[in-house]
Structure formats: structure tokens, C-alpha cells
Amino acid sequence: MAIKNIIWDWNGTIIDDAYLFVEIMNKTLRKHRLPEISIIDYKNKFCFPIKKYWNLLGFRFDDALFNIMNKEFLLLYQQKMHEPLLQKNILLALQIFKKRGFEQFVLSASEHLVLNQLVSQYKIAHYFADILGVENLNALGKEELGNSLMKKHMLSPNESLIVGDTEYDFRVAKTLGCRCVLVSCGHFSKERLLDSGADVVDSIDELLKFV
């Protein structure tokens, strides 16, 4: 691959936080007397848009109530968002890619201010030429944000690789015309990632070999 640019997803790709989403969702499910989920359940069913996933879990609400409940969920997440570890060997990957001259970016469906706060907290902001998150709490608009990133930095799709952990990342890559590789150590099971038709690796170590 003639790759010059690496566009990273954040949740589940750089940071190992799927377990935290399960923990907080179970707290919400218990509150509403709905069945709890396991990490396997989560990786097999989690999807975008977020509202669709909540419906799969048994929640029933209109848009207004969903926005309230989702905001409550994210507030609980923000209370513990500093706890997850980085994915194993992600620092090594960032260092190697930087040394080899790749330009690196973060493109996330997380809210922009929270995302930048987290990237700074983990002391890895210096690896990235830009860090972009969406301007809403519902993980919407990643395709449009990706288009903005490509235009802002004049990136060629043929020279850009998106690294993510969900089918959403693969969809964004197809929209932008970029190559994509998905890691199965994040928020989706390996089987679901393979079903998407994307290239899939099991770990950051395998990602290094792939690139």
C-alpha cells in the first residue's frame, strides 16, 4: 500500500474501553428493570445509530426521551472515562508510524471537546496532526467530519488508511474512498467485522504487520 496517512478511530481502537460501556449500560438496564448484557452480547449487538442499539436492548422512547437518557449515559461514562487503558502496543504503533513519516489523525464519533481532553490526558496528542470529534452526543456525523478532515489537510484517499473497530468505520472509509482495516479488540466481534467485508486484524501487533 502507498499509504502516507493513518486516520485512527478512538473508542475501542486506541483506547480499550468496551468493558466500560457494558458496565454503564448494565447500570442503566438495571434502573429500567431490563436484562443485563455481557461483553460478548455487547460486541455482537452494538451498532450505530446509538438509538437503534438501545431499542435492541428493550428501551422504548421518543427522540426527546432518548436524548435525555443518552446524555445521562454519557455523563456516567465521563465520570470513568479516565480509567480505561490504551490498547496493547498502541504507543509502539504510534511511534513507529511517526518515525516512518506517516501523518496521523484521530477521527471519532465522540464529542469533540471530550475527545480532545482524553487524547491530552493519555499524553499522545503530539502524535496527531489533527483530532476531530463530532459536535453532538449521539455519535452522528462521522462521514461529514471525515470529509472535512480530508479537505482541510488535502489528503488523498488513495494514500489514506482508516483504522477502526466497527462497521461504522468501514462505512466512513467507503464514503471517503479510503482503505480500511478493522481491529477486533474493540467494540465489535471479529465475526461481525469480517461480515462487513473489511480487512480485519486481531491486535495492534497484527496491524503493524498489515501496514
C-alpha atoms as a PDB file:
ATOM      1  CA  MET A   1       0.000   0.000   0.000  1.00  0.00           C
ATOM      2  CA  ALA A   2       1.217   3.505  -0.827  1.00  0.00           C
ATOM      3  CA  ILE A   3      -0.103   4.796   2.468  1.00  0.00           C
ATOM      4  CA  LYS A   4       1.000   8.172   3.807  1.00  0.00           C
ATOM      5  CA  ASN A   5      -1.822   8.964   6.235  1.00  0.00           C
ATOM      6  CA  ILE A   6      -3.292   6.973   9.137  1.00  0.00           C
ATOM      7  CA  ILE A   7      -6.747   8.068  10.321  1.00  0.00           C
ATOM      8  CA  TRP A   8      -7.479   6.490  13.712  1.00  0.00           C
ATOM      9  CA  ASP A   9     -10.803   5.909  15.398  1.00  0.00           C
ATOM     10  CA  TRP A  10     -10.669   6.467  19.168  1.00  0.00           C
ATOM     11  CA  ASN A  11     -13.035   4.327  21.274  1.00  0.00           C
ATOM     12  CA  GLY A  12     -12.114   0.656  21.058  1.00  0.00           C
ATOM     13  CA  THR A  13      -9.290   1.318  18.588  1.00  0.00           C
ATOM     14  CA  ILE A  14      -6.790   3.434  20.509  1.00  0.00           C
ATOM     15  CA  ILE A  15      -8.411   3.059  23.915  1.00  0.00           C
ATOM     16  CA  ASP A  16      -9.636  -0.243  25.364  1.00  0.00           C
ATOM     17  CA  ASP A  17     -12.988   0.879  26.762  1.00  0.00           C
ATOM     18  CA  ALA A  18     -15.639  -1.589  25.542  1.00  0.00           C
ATOM     19  CA  TYR A  19     -15.923  -3.054  29.049  1.00  0.00           C
ATOM     20  CA  LEU A  20     -16.796   0.382  30.442  1.00  0.00           C
ATOM     21  CA  PHE A  21     -19.689   0.807  28.013  1.00  0.00           C
ATOM     22  CA  VAL A  22     -21.016  -2.575  29.177  1.00  0.00           C
ATOM     23  CA  GLU A  23     -20.627  -1.628  32.837  1.00  0.00           C
ATOM     24  CA  ILE A  24     -22.524   1.639  32.433  1.00  0.00           C
ATOM     25  CA  MET A  25     -25.202   0.156  30.191  1.00  0.00           C
ATOM     26  CA  ASN A  26     -25.873  -2.569  32.761  1.00  0.00           C
ATOM     27  CA  LYS A  27     -26.358   0.102  35.399  1.00  0.00           C
ATOM     28  CA  THR A  28     -28.896   1.769  33.103  1.00  0.00           C
ATOM     29  CA  LEU A  29     -30.594  -1.543  32.297  1.00  0.00           C
ATOM     30  CA  ARG A  30     -30.957  -2.404  35.988  1.00  0.00           C
ATOM     31  CA  LYS A  31     -32.503   1.008  36.616  1.00  0.00           C
ATOM     32  CA  HIS A  32     -35.153   0.285  33.992  1.00  0.00           C
ATOM     33  CA  ARG A  33     -35.594  -3.381  35.002  1.00  0.00           C
ATOM     34  CA  LEU A  34     -34.275  -4.747  31.709  1.00  0.00           C
ATOM     35  CA  PRO A  35     -31.963  -7.771  31.267  1.00  0.00           C
ATOM     36  CA  GLU A  36     -28.250  -7.074  31.674  1.00  0.00           C
ATOM     37  CA  ILE A  37     -25.697  -7.824  28.954  1.00  0.00           C
ATOM     38  CA  SER A  38     -22.272  -9.456  28.806  1.00  0.00           C
ATOM     39  CA  ILE A  39     -19.278  -8.174  26.875  1.00  0.00           C
ATOM     40  CA  ILE A  40     -19.997 -10.870  24.260  1.00  0.00           C
ATOM     41  CA  ASP A  41     -23.615  -9.690  23.943  1.00  0.00           C
ATOM     42  CA  TYR A  42     -22.368  -6.145  23.538  1.00  0.00           C
ATOM     43  CA  LYS A  43     -19.839  -6.926  20.799  1.00  0.00           C
ATOM     44  CA  ASN A  44     -22.432  -8.968  18.926  1.00  0.00           C
ATOM     45  CA  LYS A  45     -25.205  -6.354  19.027  1.00  0.00           C
ATOM     46  CA  PHE A  46     -23.767  -2.868  19.496  1.00  0.00           C
ATOM     47  CA  CYS A  47     -24.487  -0.733  16.440  1.00  0.00           C
ATOM     48  CA  PHE A  48     -24.988   2.721  15.022  1.00  0.00           C
ATOM     49  CA  PRO A  49     -27.067   4.787  15.226  1.00  0.00           C
ATOM     50  CA  ILE A  50     -26.964   4.545  19.015  1.00  0.00           C
ATOM     51  CA  LYS A  51     -30.734   4.807  19.354  1.00  0.00           C
ATOM     52  CA  LYS A  52     -31.141   1.606  17.314  1.00  0.00           C
ATOM     53  CA  TYR A  53     -28.898  -0.243  19.769  1.00  0.00           C
ATOM     54  CA  TRP A  54     -30.886   0.982  22.763  1.00  0.00           C
ATOM     55  CA  ASN A  55     -34.055  -0.270  21.071  1.00  0.00           C
ATOM     56  CA  LEU A  56     -32.448  -3.706  20.621  1.00  0.00           C
ATOM     57  CA  LEU A  57     -31.891  -3.796  24.387  1.00  0.00           C
ATOM     58  CA  GLY A  58     -35.580  -3.234  25.055  1.00  0.00           C
ATOM     59  CA  PHE A  59     -35.776   0.519  25.644  1.00  0.00           C
ATOM     60  CA  ARG A  60     -38.787   2.301  24.201  1.00  0.00           C
ATOM     61  CA  PHE A  61     -38.761   6.093  23.912  1.00  0.00           C
ATOM     62  CA  ASP A  62     -39.291   9.047  21.594  1.00  0.00           C
ATOM     63  CA  ASP A  63     -36.396  11.199  20.416  1.00  0.00           C
ATOM     64  CA  ALA A  64     -36.675  13.635  23.309  1.00  0.00           C
ATOM     65  CA  LEU A  65     -36.526  10.923  25.985  1.00  0.00           C
ATOM     66  CA  PHE A  66     -33.714   9.119  24.176  1.00  0.00           C
ATOM     67  CA  ASN A  67     -31.630  12.300  24.130  1.00  0.00           C
ATOM     68  CA  ILE A  68     -32.123  12.698  27.875  1.00  0.00           C
ATOM     69  CA  MET A  69     -31.209   9.074  28.643  1.00  0.00           C
ATOM     70  CA  ASN A  70     -28.235   9.087  26.289  1.00  0.00           C
ATOM     71  CA  LYS A  71     -26.948  12.263  27.922  1.00  0.00           C
ATOM     72  CA  GLU A  72     -27.256  10.587  31.339  1.00  0.00           C
ATOM     73  CA  PHE A  73     -25.328   7.587  29.995  1.00  0.00           C
ATOM     74  CA  LEU A  74     -22.530   9.795  28.677  1.00  0.00           C
ATOM     75  CA  LEU A  75     -22.304  11.684  31.959  1.00  0.00           C
ATOM     76  CA  LEU A  76     -21.739   8.355  33.717  1.00  0.00           C
ATOM     77  CA  TYR A  77     -19.129   7.483  31.105  1.00  0.00           C
ATOM     78  CA  GLN A  78     -17.341  10.784  31.597  1.00  0.00           C
ATOM     79  CA  GLN A  79     -17.045  10.072  35.314  1.00  0.00           C
ATOM     80  CA  LYS A  80     -14.953   6.984  34.499  1.00  0.00           C
ATOM     81  CA  MET A  81     -13.520   7.797  31.084  1.00  0.00           C
ATOM     82  CA  HIS A  82     -10.042   8.237  32.548  1.00  0.00           C
ATOM     83  CA  GLU A  83      -9.906   4.617  33.758  1.00  0.00           C
ATOM     84  CA  PRO A  84      -9.516   2.512  30.564  1.00  0.00           C
ATOM     85  CA  LEU A  85      -6.041   1.621  29.359  1.00  0.00           C
ATOM     86  CA  LEU A  86      -4.687   2.245  25.904  1.00  0.00           C
ATOM     87  CA  GLN A  87      -4.860  -0.756  23.591  1.00  0.00           C
ATOM     88  CA  LYS A  88      -1.810  -3.000  23.982  1.00  0.00           C
ATOM     89  CA  ASN A  89       1.142  -1.728  21.908  1.00  0.00           C
ATOM     90  CA  ILE A  90      -0.756   1.296  20.573  1.00  0.00           C
ATOM     91  CA  LEU A  91       2.056   3.571  21.763  1.00  0.00           C
ATOM     92  CA  LEU A  92       4.547   1.465  19.841  1.00  0.00           C
ATOM     93  CA  ALA A  93       2.398   1.708  16.708  1.00  0.00           C
ATOM     94  CA  LEU A  94       2.069   5.483  17.003  1.00  0.00           C
ATOM     95  CA  GLN A  95       5.806   5.807  17.487  1.00  0.00           C
ATOM     96  CA  ILE A  96       6.671   3.546  14.556  1.00  0.00           C
ATOM     97  CA  PHE A  97       4.240   5.262  12.195  1.00  0.00           C
ATOM     98  CA  LYS A  98       5.533   8.688  13.205  1.00  0.00           C
ATOM     99  CA  LYS A  99       9.139   7.580  12.709  1.00  0.00           C
ATOM    100  CA  ARG A 100       8.266   6.258   9.242  1.00  0.00           C
ATOM    101  CA  GLY A 101       6.786   9.610   8.270  1.00  0.00           C
ATOM    102  CA  PHE A 102       3.083   8.792   8.329  1.00  0.00           C
ATOM    103  CA  GLU A 103       0.807  11.722   9.121  1.00  0.00           C
ATOM    104  CA  GLN A 104      -1.669  10.597  11.787  1.00  0.00           C
ATOM    105  CA  PHE A 105      -5.125  11.846  12.726  1.00  0.00           C
ATOM    106  CA  VAL A 106      -7.970  10.966  15.102  1.00  0.00           C
ATOM    107  CA  LEU A 107     -11.479  10.869  13.622  1.00  0.00           C
ATOM    108  CA  SER A 108     -14.085   9.918  16.194  1.00  0.00           C
ATOM    109  CA  ALA A 109     -17.837   9.861  16.765  1.00  0.00           C
ATOM    110  CA  SER A 110     -17.094  11.036  20.316  1.00  0.00           C
ATOM    111  CA  GLU A 111     -17.927  14.621  21.238  1.00  0.00           C
ATOM    112  CA  HIS A 112     -15.091  16.949  20.166  1.00  0.00           C
ATOM    113  CA  LEU A 113     -14.219  18.617  23.486  1.00  0.00           C
ATOM    114  CA  VAL A 114     -14.326  15.370  25.468  1.00  0.00           C
ATOM    115  CA  LEU A 115     -12.244  13.618  22.818  1.00  0.00           C
ATOM    116  CA  ASN A 116      -9.508  16.257  22.898  1.00  0.00           C
ATOM    117  CA  GLN A 117      -9.493  16.191  26.690  1.00  0.00           C
ATOM    118  CA  LEU A 118      -8.929  12.431  26.654  1.00  0.00           C
ATOM    119  CA  VAL A 119      -6.224  12.460  23.984  1.00  0.00           C
ATOM    120  CA  SER A 120      -4.347  15.053  26.043  1.00  0.00           C
ATOM    121  CA  GLN A 121      -4.830  13.058  29.239  1.00  0.00           C
ATOM    122  CA  TYR A 122      -3.200   9.992  27.708  1.00  0.00           C
ATOM    123  CA  LYS A 123      -0.304  12.207  26.591  1.00  0.00           C
ATOM    124  CA  ILE A 124      -0.461  11.152  22.947  1.00  0.00           C
ATOM    125  CA  ALA A 125      -1.740  14.348  21.299  1.00  0.00           C
ATOM    126  CA  HIS A 126       1.700  15.071  19.846  1.00  0.00           C
ATOM    127  CA  TYR A 127       1.408  12.069  17.530  1.00  0.00           C
ATOM    128  CA  PHE A 128      -1.538  13.574  15.651  1.00  0.00           C
ATOM    129  CA  ALA A 129      -1.736  16.333  13.066  1.00  0.00           C
ATOM    130  CA  ASP A 130      -5.416  16.839  13.949  1.00  0.00           C
ATOM    131  CA  ILE A 131      -8.009  15.432  16.369  1.00  0.00           C
ATOM    132  CA  LEU A 132     -11.635  15.646  15.282  1.00  0.00           C
ATOM    133  CA  GLY A 133     -14.797  14.618  17.121  1.00  0.00           C
ATOM    134  CA  VAL A 134     -18.442  15.321  16.352  1.00  0.00           C
ATOM    135  CA  GLU A 135     -20.427  18.268  17.717  1.00  0.00           C
ATOM    136  CA  ASN A 136     -23.227  16.169  19.241  1.00  0.00           C
ATOM    137  CA  LEU A 137     -23.741  13.495  21.901  1.00  0.00           C
ATOM    138  CA  ASN A 138     -25.370  10.904  19.635  1.00  0.00           C
ATOM    139  CA  ALA A 139     -22.294   9.792  17.616  1.00  0.00           C
ATOM    140  CA  LEU A 140     -23.766  11.236  14.411  1.00  0.00           C
ATOM    141  CA  GLY A 141     -21.960  12.861  11.509  1.00  0.00           C
ATOM    142  CA  LYS A 142     -18.669  10.984  11.284  1.00  0.00           C
ATOM    143  CA  GLU A 143     -18.850  10.776   7.480  1.00  0.00           C
ATOM    144  CA  GLU A 144     -19.255  14.555   7.154  1.00  0.00           C
ATOM    145  CA  LEU A 145     -16.461  15.082   9.674  1.00  0.00           C
ATOM    146  CA  GLY A 146     -14.232  12.781   7.664  1.00  0.00           C
ATOM    147  CA  ASN A 147     -14.901  14.777   4.501  1.00  0.00           C
ATOM    148  CA  SER A 148     -13.927  17.940   6.355  1.00  0.00           C
ATOM    149  CA  LEU A 149     -10.712  16.292   7.553  1.00  0.00           C
ATOM    150  CA  MET A 150      -9.754  15.178   4.047  1.00  0.00           C
ATOM    151  CA  LYS A 151     -10.371  18.646   2.587  1.00  0.00           C
ATOM    152  CA  LYS A 152      -8.720  20.550   5.443  1.00  0.00           C
ATOM    153  CA  HIS A 153      -5.477  18.602   5.159  1.00  0.00           C
ATOM    154  CA  MET A 154      -5.734  17.932   1.408  1.00  0.00           C
ATOM    155  CA  LEU A 155      -5.436  14.186   1.941  1.00  0.00           C
ATOM    156  CA  SER A 156      -5.603  11.784  -0.977  1.00  0.00           C
ATOM    157  CA  PRO A 157      -7.982   8.849  -0.348  1.00  0.00           C
ATOM    158  CA  ASN A 158      -5.549   6.548  -2.174  1.00  0.00           C
ATOM    159  CA  GLU A 159      -2.846   7.441   0.349  1.00  0.00           C
ATOM    160  CA  SER A 160      -5.032   7.247   3.469  1.00  0.00           C
ATOM    161  CA  LEU A 161      -5.850   4.308   5.741  1.00  0.00           C
ATOM    162  CA  ILE A 162      -8.680   4.374   8.275  1.00  0.00           C
ATOM    163  CA  VAL A 163      -8.129   2.197  11.340  1.00  0.00           C
ATOM    164  CA  GLY A 164     -11.247   1.438  13.359  1.00  0.00           C
ATOM    165  CA  ASP A 165     -13.127  -1.245  15.260  1.00  0.00           C
ATOM    166  CA  THR A 166     -16.707  -1.097  13.953  1.00  0.00           C
ATOM    167  CA  GLU A 167     -18.697  -1.405  10.742  1.00  0.00           C
ATOM    168  CA  TYR A 168     -19.305   2.351  11.080  1.00  0.00           C
ATOM    169  CA  ASP A 169     -15.589   2.970  10.482  1.00  0.00           C
ATOM    170  CA  PHE A 170     -15.710   0.787   7.372  1.00  0.00           C
ATOM    171  CA  ARG A 171     -18.734   2.746   6.131  1.00  0.00           C
ATOM    172  CA  VAL A 172     -16.894   6.020   6.695  1.00  0.00           C
ATOM    173  CA  ALA A 173     -13.866   4.675   4.804  1.00  0.00           C
ATOM    174  CA  LYS A 174     -16.030   3.679   1.838  1.00  0.00           C
ATOM    175  CA  THR A 175     -17.670   7.120   1.830  1.00  0.00           C
ATOM    176  CA  LEU A 176     -14.261   8.819   1.784  1.00  0.00           C
ATOM    177  CA  GLY A 177     -12.743   6.345  -0.679  1.00  0.00           C
ATOM    178  CA  CYS A 178     -10.017   5.304   1.779  1.00  0.00           C
ATOM    179  CA  ARG A 179      -8.548   1.879   2.526  1.00  0.00           C
ATOM    180  CA  CYS A 180      -9.713   0.465   5.867  1.00  0.00           C
ATOM    181  CA  VAL A 181      -8.542  -2.082   8.403  1.00  0.00           C
ATOM    182  CA  LEU A 182     -10.577  -3.003  11.484  1.00  0.00           C
ATOM    183  CA  VAL A 183      -9.227  -4.322  14.790  1.00  0.00           C
ATOM    184  CA  SER A 184     -11.280  -6.984  16.565  1.00  0.00           C
ATOM    185  CA  CYS A 185     -10.137  -5.984  20.067  1.00  0.00           C
ATOM    186  CA  GLY A 186     -12.681  -3.160  20.276  1.00  0.00           C
ATOM    187  CA  HIS A 187     -16.475  -2.799  20.291  1.00  0.00           C
ATOM    188  CA  PHE A 188     -17.444  -5.312  17.548  1.00  0.00           C
ATOM    189  CA  SER A 189     -16.885  -9.057  17.435  1.00  0.00           C
ATOM    190  CA  LYS A 190     -14.481 -10.402  14.833  1.00  0.00           C
ATOM    191  CA  GLU A 191     -17.289 -12.257  13.044  1.00  0.00           C
ATOM    192  CA  ARG A 192     -19.269  -9.069  12.503  1.00  0.00           C
ATOM    193  CA  LEU A 193     -16.206  -7.214  11.238  1.00  0.00           C
ATOM    194  CA  LEU A 194     -15.438  -9.987   8.753  1.00  0.00           C
ATOM    195  CA  ASP A 195     -19.042  -9.933   7.565  1.00  0.00           C
ATOM    196  CA  SER A 196     -18.589  -6.261   6.641  1.00  0.00           C
ATOM    197  CA  GLY A 197     -16.028  -7.199   4.013  1.00  0.00           C
ATOM    198  CA  ALA A 198     -13.253  -5.118   5.552  1.00  0.00           C
ATOM    199  CA  ASP A 199      -9.701  -6.250   6.252  1.00  0.00           C
ATOM    200  CA  VAL A 200      -9.597  -7.400   9.892  1.00  0.00           C
ATOM    201  CA  VAL A 201      -6.728  -7.880  12.352  1.00  0.00           C
ATOM    202  CA  ASP A 202      -6.900  -9.190  15.900  1.00  0.00           C
ATOM    203  CA  SER A 203      -4.459  -6.782  17.556  1.00  0.00           C
ATOM    204  CA  ILE A 204      -2.308  -3.711  17.173  1.00  0.00           C
ATOM    205  CA  ASP A 205       0.662  -6.050  16.635  1.00  0.00           C
ATOM    206  CA  GLU A 206      -1.117  -7.524  13.609  1.00  0.00           C
ATOM    207  CA  LEU A 207      -1.963  -4.024  12.420  1.00  0.00           C
ATOM    208  CA  LEU A 208       1.741  -3.170  12.347  1.00  0.00           C
ATOM    209  CA  LYS A 209       2.426  -6.203  10.186  1.00  0.00           C
ATOM    210  CA  PHE A 210      -0.529  -5.364   7.929  1.00  0.00           C
ATOM    211  CA  VAL A 211       0.652  -1.819   7.252  1.00  0.00           C
END
